[in-house]
PDB file of N, CA and C in Angstrom:
ATOM      1  N   MET A   1       0.843  -1.176   0.000  1.00  0.00           N
ATOM      2  CA  MET A   1       0.000   0.000   0.000  1.00  0.00           C
ATOM      3  C   MET A   1       0.885   1.235   0.000  1.00  0.00           C
ATOM      4  N   LYS A   2       0.317   2.320  -0.479  1.00  0.00           N
ATOM      5  CA  LYS A   2       1.038   3.580  -0.506  1.00  0.00           C
ATOM      6  C   LYS A   2       0.339   4.567   0.411  1.00  0.00           C
ATOM      7  N   ALA A   3       1.144   5.305   1.182  1.00  0.00           N
ATOM      8  CA  ALA A   3       0.616   6.377   2.022  1.00  0.00           C
ATOM      9  C   ALA A   3       1.016   7.705   1.391  1.00  0.00           C
ATOM     10  N   LYS A   4       0.038   8.580   1.234  1.00  0.00           N
ATOM     11  CA  LYS A   4       0.292   9.942   0.749  1.00  0.00           C
ATOM     12  C   LYS A   4       0.060  10.862   1.944  1.00  0.00           C
ATOM     13  N   ILE A   5       1.125  11.554   2.364  1.00  0.00           N
ATOM     14  CA  ILE A   5       1.081  12.385   3.564  1.00  0.00           C
ATOM     15  C   ILE A   5       1.242  13.841   3.150  1.00  0.00           C
ATOM     16  N   THR A   6       0.265  14.666   3.496  1.00  0.00           N
ATOM     17  CA  THR A   6       0.306  16.092   3.199  1.00  0.00           C
ATOM     18  C   THR A   6       0.576  16.840   4.498  1.00  0.00           C
ATOM     19  N   ILE A   7       1.650  17.628   4.489  1.00  0.00           N
ATOM     20  CA  ILE A   7       2.064  18.359   5.688  1.00  0.00           C
ATOM     21  C   ILE A   7       1.967  19.852   5.402  1.00  0.00           C
ATOM     22  N   THR A   8       1.267  20.566   6.286  1.00  0.00           N
ATOM     23  CA  THR A   8       1.107  22.011   6.144  1.00  0.00           C
ATOM     24  C   THR A   8       1.384  22.687   7.476  1.00  0.00           C
ATOM     25  N   LEU A   9       1.732  23.970   7.399  1.00  0.00           N
ATOM     26  CA  LEU A   9       1.943  24.737   8.622  1.00  0.00           C
ATOM     27  C   LEU A   9       0.604  25.008   9.289  1.00  0.00           C
ATOM     28  N   LYS A  10       0.587  25.025  10.604  1.00  0.00           N
ATOM     29  CA  LYS A  10      -0.633  25.342  11.344  1.00  0.00           C
ATOM     30  C   LYS A  10      -0.990  26.805  11.144  1.00  0.00           C
ATOM     31  N   ASN A  11      -2.275  27.118  11.283  1.00  0.00           N
ATOM     32  CA  ASN A  11      -2.713  28.505  11.223  1.00  0.00           C
ATOM     33  C   ASN A  11      -1.997  29.289  12.311  1.00  0.00           C
ATOM     34  N   GLY A  12      -1.597  30.496  11.989  1.00  0.00           N
ATOM     35  CA  GLY A  12      -0.904  31.341  12.951  1.00  0.00           C
ATOM     36  C   GLY A  12       0.604  31.231  12.885  1.00  0.00           C
ATOM     37  N   VAL A  13       1.127  30.188  12.224  1.00  0.00           N
ATOM     38  CA  VAL A  13       2.570  30.044  12.048  1.00  0.00           C
ATOM     39  C   VAL A  13       2.964  30.834  10.797  1.00  0.00           C
ATOM     40  N   LEU A  14       3.944  31.719  10.948  1.00  0.00           N
ATOM     41  CA  LEU A  14       4.387  32.521   9.812  1.00  0.00           C
ATOM     42  C   LEU A  14       4.892  31.623   8.695  1.00  0.00           C
ATOM     43  N   ASP A  15       4.567  32.000   7.458  1.00  0.00           N
ATOM     44  CA  ASP A  15       4.944  31.220   6.286  1.00  0.00           C
ATOM     45  C   ASP A  15       5.634  32.138   5.279  1.00  0.00           C
ATOM     46  N   PRO A  16       6.929  32.437   5.474  1.00  0.00           N
ATOM     47  CA  PRO A  16       7.610  33.351   4.563  1.00  0.00           C
ATOM     48  C   PRO A  16       7.662  32.835   3.124  1.00  0.00           C
ATOM     49  N   GLN A  17       7.749  31.535   2.940  1.00  0.00           N
ATOM     50  CA  GLN A  17       7.763  30.982   1.586  1.00  0.00           C
ATOM     51  C   GLN A  17       6.409  31.188   0.914  1.00  0.00           C
ATOM     52  N   GLY A  18       5.334  31.028   1.658  1.00  0.00           N
ATOM     53  CA  GLY A  18       4.004  31.289   1.121  1.00  0.00           C
ATOM     54  C   GLY A  18       3.840  32.748   0.720  1.00  0.00           C
ATOM     55  N   LYS A  19       4.376  33.665   1.549  1.00  0.00           N
ATOM     56  CA  LYS A  19       4.320  35.098   1.220  1.00  0.00           C
ATOM     57  C   LYS A  19       5.107  35.395  -0.041  1.00  0.00           C
ATOM     58  N   ALA A  20       6.266  34.761  -0.213  1.00  0.00           N
ATOM     59  CA  ALA A  20       7.074  34.968  -1.414  1.00  0.00           C
ATOM     60  C   ALA A  20       6.328  34.476  -2.654  1.00  0.00           C
ATOM     61  N   ILE A  21       5.663  33.341  -2.537  1.00  0.00           N
ATOM     62  CA  ILE A  21       4.875  32.809  -3.657  1.00  0.00           C
ATOM     63  C   ILE A  21       3.733  33.761  -3.976  1.00  0.00           C
ATOM     64  N   GLU A  22       3.070  34.259  -2.941  1.00  0.00           N
ATOM     65  CA  GLU A  22       1.961  35.208  -3.127  1.00  0.00           C
ATOM     66  C   GLU A  22       2.439  36.457  -3.873  1.00  0.00           C
ATOM     67  N   GLY A  23       3.589  36.993  -3.477  1.00  0.00           N
ATOM     68  CA  GLY A  23       4.137  38.166  -4.154  1.00  0.00           C
ATOM     69  C   GLY A  23       4.496  37.881  -5.602  1.00  0.00           C
ATOM     70  N   SER A  24       5.050  36.710  -5.860  1.00  0.00           N
ATOM     71  CA  SER A  24       5.411  36.331  -7.230  1.00  0.00           C
ATOM     72  C   SER A  24       4.178  36.150  -8.102  1.00  0.00           C
ATOM     73  N   LEU A  25       3.132  35.570  -7.543  1.00  0.00           N
ATOM     74  CA  LEU A  25       1.884  35.413  -8.304  1.00  0.00           C
ATOM     75  C   LEU A  25       1.326  36.777  -8.695  1.00  0.00           C
ATOM     76  N   ALA A  26       1.332  37.719  -7.748  1.00  0.00           N
ATOM     77  CA  ALA A  26       0.846  39.066  -8.048  1.00  0.00           C
ATOM     78  C   ALA A  26       1.719  39.716  -9.119  1.00  0.00           C
ATOM     79  N   GLY A  27       3.034  39.503  -9.032  1.00  0.00           N
ATOM     80  CA  GLY A  27       3.951  40.057 -10.022  1.00  0.00           C
ATOM     81  C   GLY A  27       3.739  39.495 -11.417  1.00  0.00           C
ATOM     82  N   LEU A  28       3.204  38.292 -11.481  1.00  0.00           N
ATOM     83  CA  LEU A  28       2.922  37.660 -12.774  1.00  0.00           C
ATOM     84  C   LEU A  28       1.513  37.964 -13.272  1.00  0.00           C
ATOM     85  N   GLY A  29       0.788  38.795 -12.529  1.00  0.00           N
ATOM     86  CA  GLY A  29      -0.537  39.202 -12.962  1.00  0.00           C
ATOM     87  C   GLY A  29      -1.683  38.374 -12.418  1.00  0.00           C
ATOM     88  N   PHE A  30      -1.409  37.470 -11.492  1.00  0.00           N
ATOM     89  CA  PHE A  30      -2.467  36.662 -10.900  1.00  0.00           C
ATOM     90  C   PHE A  30      -3.053  37.406  -9.703  1.00  0.00           C
ATOM     91  N   GLU A  31      -3.840  38.419  -9.984  1.00  0.00           N
ATOM     92  CA  GLU A  31      -4.442  39.233  -8.925  1.00  0.00           C
ATOM     93  C   GLU A  31      -5.505  38.425  -8.188  1.00  0.00           C
ATOM     94  N   GLY A  32      -5.669  38.725  -6.923  1.00  0.00           N
ATOM     95  CA  GLY A  32      -6.714  38.061  -6.136  1.00  0.00           C
ATOM     96  C   GLY A  32      -6.235  36.818  -5.410  1.00  0.00           C
ATOM     97  N   ALA A  33      -5.016  36.366  -5.670  1.00  0.00           N
ATOM     98  CA  ALA A  33      -4.479  35.221  -4.927  1.00  0.00           C
ATOM     99  C   ALA A  33      -3.947  35.749  -3.598  1.00  0.00           C
ATOM    100  N   SER A  34      -4.491  35.263  -2.490  1.00  0.00           N
ATOM    101  CA  SER A  34      -4.063  35.769  -1.189  1.00  0.00           C
ATOM    102  C   SER A  34      -3.993  34.636  -0.176  1.00  0.00           C
ATOM    103  N   ASN A  35      -3.369  34.929   0.949  1.00  0.00           N
ATOM    104  CA  ASN A  35      -3.215  33.957   2.036  1.00  0.00           C
ATOM    105  C   ASN A  35      -2.609  32.644   1.541  1.00  0.00           C
ATOM    106  N   VAL A  36      -1.576  32.744   0.709  1.00  0.00           N
ATOM    107  CA  VAL A  36      -0.919  31.555   0.154  1.00  0.00           C
ATOM    108  C   VAL A  36      -0.124  30.860   1.252  1.00  0.00           C
ATOM    109  N   ARG A  37      -0.326  29.566   1.387  1.00  0.00           N
ATOM    110  CA  ARG A  37       0.413  28.739   2.339  1.00  0.00           C
ATOM    111  C   ARG A  37       1.057  27.616   1.538  1.00  0.00           C
ATOM    112  N   GLN A  38       2.281  27.303   1.848  1.00  0.00           N
ATOM    113  CA  GLN A  38       2.942  26.203   1.158  1.00  0.00           C
ATOM    114  C   GLN A  38       3.094  25.033   2.108  1.00  0.00           C
ATOM    115  N   GLY A  39       3.274  23.856   1.552  1.00  0.00           N
ATOM    116  CA  GLY A  39       3.446  22.654   2.352  1.00  0.00           C
ATOM    117  C   GLY A  39       4.264  21.642   1.581  1.00  0.00           C
ATOM    118  N   LYS A  40       4.148  20.399   1.976  1.00  0.00           N
ATOM    119  CA  LYS A  40       4.871  19.342   1.279  1.00  0.00           C
ATOM    120  C   LYS A  40       4.037  18.076   1.256  1.00  0.00           C
ATOM    121  N   VAL A  41       4.293  17.256   0.247  1.00  0.00           N
ATOM    122  CA  VAL A  41       3.620  15.967   0.110  1.00  0.00           C
ATOM    123  C   VAL A  41       4.697  14.888   0.088  1.00  0.00           C
ATOM    124  N   ILE A  42       4.516  13.877   0.909  1.00  0.00           N
ATOM    125  CA  ILE A  42       5.447  12.758   0.971  1.00  0.00           C
ATOM    126  C   ILE A  42       4.667  11.489   0.641  1.00  0.00           C
ATOM    127  N   GLU A  43       5.184  10.705  -0.293  1.00  0.00           N
ATOM    128  CA  GLU A  43       4.562   9.414  -0.624  1.00  0.00           C
ATOM    129  C   GLU A  43       5.506   8.307  -0.182  1.00  0.00           C
ATOM    130  N   VAL A  44       4.947   7.319   0.525  1.00  0.00           N
ATOM    131  CA  VAL A  44       5.741   6.216   1.056  1.00  0.00           C
ATOM    132  C   VAL A  44       5.068   4.903   0.682  1.00  0.00           C
ATOM    133  N   GLN A  45       5.818   4.000   0.075  1.00  0.00           N
ATOM    134  CA  GLN A  45       5.308   2.660  -0.205  1.00  0.00           C
ATOM    135  C   GLN A  45       5.497   1.829   1.052  1.00  0.00           C
ATOM    136  N   LEU A  46       4.405   1.224   1.530  1.00  0.00           N
ATOM    137  CA  LEU A  46       4.439   0.436   2.761  1.00  0.00           C
ATOM    138  C   LEU A  46       4.199  -1.039   2.452  1.00  0.00           C
ATOM    139  N   ALA A  47       4.822  -1.913   3.231  1.00  0.00           N
ATOM    140  CA  ALA A  47       4.682  -3.356   3.018  1.00  0.00           C
ATOM    141  C   ALA A  47       3.343  -3.891   3.519  1.00  0.00           C
ATOM    142  N   GLU A  48       2.661  -3.130   4.384  1.00  0.00           N
ATOM    143  CA  GLU A  48       1.398  -3.587   4.957  1.00  0.00           C
ATOM    144  C   GLU A  48       0.338  -3.796   3.877  1.00  0.00           C
ATOM    145  N   SER A  49      -0.466  -4.839   4.040  1.00  0.00           N
ATOM    146  CA  SER A  49      -1.573  -5.071   3.109  1.00  0.00           C
ATOM    147  C   SER A  49      -2.909  -4.669   3.734  1.00  0.00           C
ATOM    148  N   ASP A  50      -2.910  -4.403   5.028  1.00  0.00           N
ATOM    149  CA  ASP A  50      -4.097  -3.985   5.759  1.00  0.00           C
ATOM    150  C   ASP A  50      -4.107  -2.461   5.885  1.00  0.00           C
ATOM    151  N   GLU A  51      -5.210  -1.827   5.498  1.00  0.00           N
ATOM    152  CA  GLU A  51      -5.282  -0.361   5.507  1.00  0.00           C
ATOM    153  C   GLU A  51      -5.079   0.226   6.900  1.00  0.00           C
ATOM    154  N   ALA A  52      -5.659  -0.393   7.910  1.00  0.00           N
ATOM    155  CA  ALA A  52      -5.521   0.118   9.279  1.00  0.00           C
ATOM    156  C   ALA A  52      -4.068   0.050   9.739  1.00  0.00           C
ATOM    157  N   ALA A  53      -3.380  -1.028   9.410  1.00  0.00           N
ATOM    158  CA  ALA A  53      -1.972  -1.177   9.793  1.00  0.00           C
ATOM    159  C   ALA A  53      -1.107  -0.165   9.038  1.00  0.00           C
ATOM    160  N   ALA A  54      -1.416   0.052   7.767  1.00  0.00           N
ATOM    161  CA  ALA A  54      -0.671   1.030   6.962  1.00  0.00           C
ATOM    162  C   ALA A  54      -0.869   2.437   7.525  1.00  0.00           C
ATOM    163  N   ARG A  55      -2.101   2.776   7.886  1.00  0.00           N
ATOM    164  CA  ARG A  55      -2.386   4.096   8.455  1.00  0.00           C
ATOM    165  C   ARG A  55      -1.661   4.279   9.787  1.00  0.00           C
ATOM    166  N   ALA A  56      -1.660   3.236  10.613  1.00  0.00           N
ATOM    167  CA  ALA A  56      -0.983   3.303  11.912  1.00  0.00           C
ATOM    168  C   ALA A  56       0.519   3.519  11.732  1.00  0.00           C
ATOM    169  N   LYS A  57       1.110   2.837  10.773  1.00  0.00           N
ATOM    170  CA  LYS A  57       2.540   2.992  10.528  1.00  0.00           C
ATOM    171  C   LYS A  57       2.838   4.402  10.016  1.00  0.00           C
ATOM    172  N   ALA A  58       2.029   4.912   9.089  1.00  0.00           N
ATOM    173  CA  ALA A  58       2.229   6.270   8.565  1.00  0.00           C
ATOM    174  C   ALA A  58       2.055   7.309   9.670  1.00  0.00           C
ATOM    175  N   GLU A  59       1.083   7.094  10.534  1.00  0.00           N
ATOM    176  CA  GLU A  59       0.849   7.988  11.673  1.00  0.00           C
ATOM    177  C   GLU A  59       2.079   8.016  12.574  1.00  0.00           C
ATOM    178  N   ASP A  60       2.641   6.854  12.847  1.00  0.00           N
ATOM    179  CA  ASP A  60       3.836   6.751  13.681  1.00  0.00           C
ATOM    180  C   ASP A  60       5.017   7.468  13.017  1.00  0.00           C
ATOM    181  N   MET A  61       5.158   7.327  11.698  1.00  0.00           N
ATOM    182  CA  MET A  61       6.227   8.004  10.958  1.00  0.00           C
ATOM    183  C   MET A  61       6.095   9.521  11.084  1.00  0.00           C
ATOM    184  N   CYS A  62       4.871  10.007  10.993  1.00  0.00           N
ATOM    185  CA  CYS A  62       4.633  11.452  11.106  1.00  0.00           C
ATOM    186  C   CYS A  62       4.991  11.957  12.496  1.00  0.00           C
ATOM    187  N   ARG A  63       4.548  11.239  13.510  1.00  0.00           N
ATOM    188  CA  ARG A  63       4.820  11.666  14.894  1.00  0.00           C
ATOM    189  C   ARG A  63       6.303  11.651  15.223  1.00  0.00           C
ATOM    190  N   LYS A  64       7.037  10.662  14.686  1.00  0.00           N
ATOM    191  CA  LYS A  64       8.440  10.496  15.056  1.00  0.00           C
ATOM    192  C   LYS A  64       9.421  11.258  14.168  1.00  0.00           C
ATOM    193  N   LEU A  65       9.048  11.554  12.893  1.00  0.00           N
ATOM    194  CA  LEU A  65      10.034  12.140  11.999  1.00  0.00           C
ATOM    195  C   LEU A  65       9.483  13.139  10.983  1.00  0.00           C
ATOM    196  N   LEU A  66       8.427  12.785  10.302  1.00  0.00           N
ATOM    197  CA  LEU A  66       8.030  13.548   9.120  1.00  0.00           C
ATOM    198  C   LEU A  66       7.430  14.915   9.403  1.00  0.00           C
ATOM    199  N   ALA A  67       6.716  15.066  10.505  1.00  0.00           N
ATOM    200  CA  ALA A  67       6.046  16.340  10.806  1.00  0.00           C
ATOM    201  C   ALA A  67       6.475  16.853  12.178  1.00  0.00           C
ATOM    202  N   ASN A  68       6.498  18.164  12.300  1.00  0.00           N
ATOM    203  CA  ASN A  68       6.760  18.808  13.590  1.00  0.00           C
ATOM    204  C   ASN A  68       5.398  19.166  14.185  1.00  0.00           C
ATOM    205  N   PRO A  69       4.926  18.432  15.181  1.00  0.00           N
ATOM    206  CA  PRO A  69       3.572  18.642  15.690  1.00  0.00           C
ATOM    207  C   PRO A  69       3.352  20.008  16.340  1.00  0.00           C
ATOM    208  N   VAL A  70       4.405  20.694  16.690  1.00  0.00           N
ATOM    209  CA  VAL A  70       4.273  22.026  17.270  1.00  0.00           C
ATOM    210  C   VAL A  70       3.849  23.035  16.207  1.00  0.00           C
ATOM    211  N   MET A  71       4.387  22.893  14.982  1.00  0.00           N
ATOM    212  CA  MET A  71       4.170  23.873  13.920  1.00  0.00           C
ATOM    213  C   MET A  71       3.364  23.362  12.736  1.00  0.00           C
ATOM    214  N   GLU A  72       3.215  22.051  12.598  1.00  0.00           N
ATOM    215  CA  GLU A  72       2.630  21.490  11.385  1.00  0.00           C
ATOM    216  C   GLU A  72       1.441  20.578  11.672  1.00  0.00           C
ATOM    217  N   ASN A  73       0.524  20.569  10.696  1.00  0.00           N
ATOM    218  CA  ASN A  73      -0.567  19.596  10.640  1.00  0.00           C
ATOM    219  C   ASN A  73      -0.214  18.588   9.551  1.00  0.00           C
ATOM    220  N   TYR A  74      -0.795  17.407   9.640  1.00  0.00           N
ATOM    221  CA  TYR A  74      -0.602  16.441   8.568  1.00  0.00           C
ATOM    222  C   TYR A  74      -1.897  15.667   8.343  1.00  0.00           C
ATOM    223  N   ALA A  75      -2.044  15.219   7.102  1.00  0.00           N
ATOM    224  CA  ALA A  75      -3.189  14.392   6.720  1.00  0.00           C
ATOM    225  C   ALA A  75      -2.636  13.175   5.977  1.00  0.00           C
ATOM    226  N   ILE A  76      -3.174  12.017   6.287  1.00  0.00           N
ATOM    227  CA  ILE A  76      -2.712  10.785   5.687  1.00  0.00           C
ATOM    228  C   ILE A  76      -3.801  10.199   4.804  1.00  0.00           C
ATOM    229  N   GLU A  77      -3.421   9.865   3.588  1.00  0.00           N
ATOM    230  CA  GLU A  77      -4.336   9.200   2.650  1.00  0.00           C
ATOM    231  C   GLU A  77      -3.693   7.862   2.282  1.00  0.00           C
ATOM    232  N   ILE A  78      -4.408   6.773   2.475  1.00  0.00           N
ATOM    233  CA  ILE A  78      -3.900   5.450   2.113  1.00  0.00           C
ATOM    234  C   ILE A  78      -4.440   5.099   0.729  1.00  0.00           C
ATOM    235  N   LEU A  79      -3.518   4.806  -0.170  1.00  0.00           N
ATOM    236  CA  LEU A  79      -3.876   4.457  -1.548  1.00  0.00           C
ATOM    237  C   LEU A  79      -3.616   2.968  -1.772  1.00  0.00           C
ATOM    238  N   ALA A  80      -4.534   2.311  -2.438  1.00  0.00           N
ATOM    239  CA  ALA A  80      -4.386   0.864  -2.674  1.00  0.00           C
ATOM    240  C   ALA A  80      -3.326   0.575  -3.707  1.00  0.00           C
TER     241      ALA A  80
END
């Protein structure tokens, strides 16, 4: 199974990269784009064949390494 993990900054955490993207979009003529936030997507192939076990392993990976729970949120999607 494959886990797709989307990690984003929590609301209230400054996002200088998002602000830079927002400024660049405006500079390219994309008016109206605001409150841009950037994040990351991590895809991991897991050996588990059970969805619950795959989700539990991905959750453990996020807590221990992939995400900073103080500053980031994460969402896990299990793909067959």
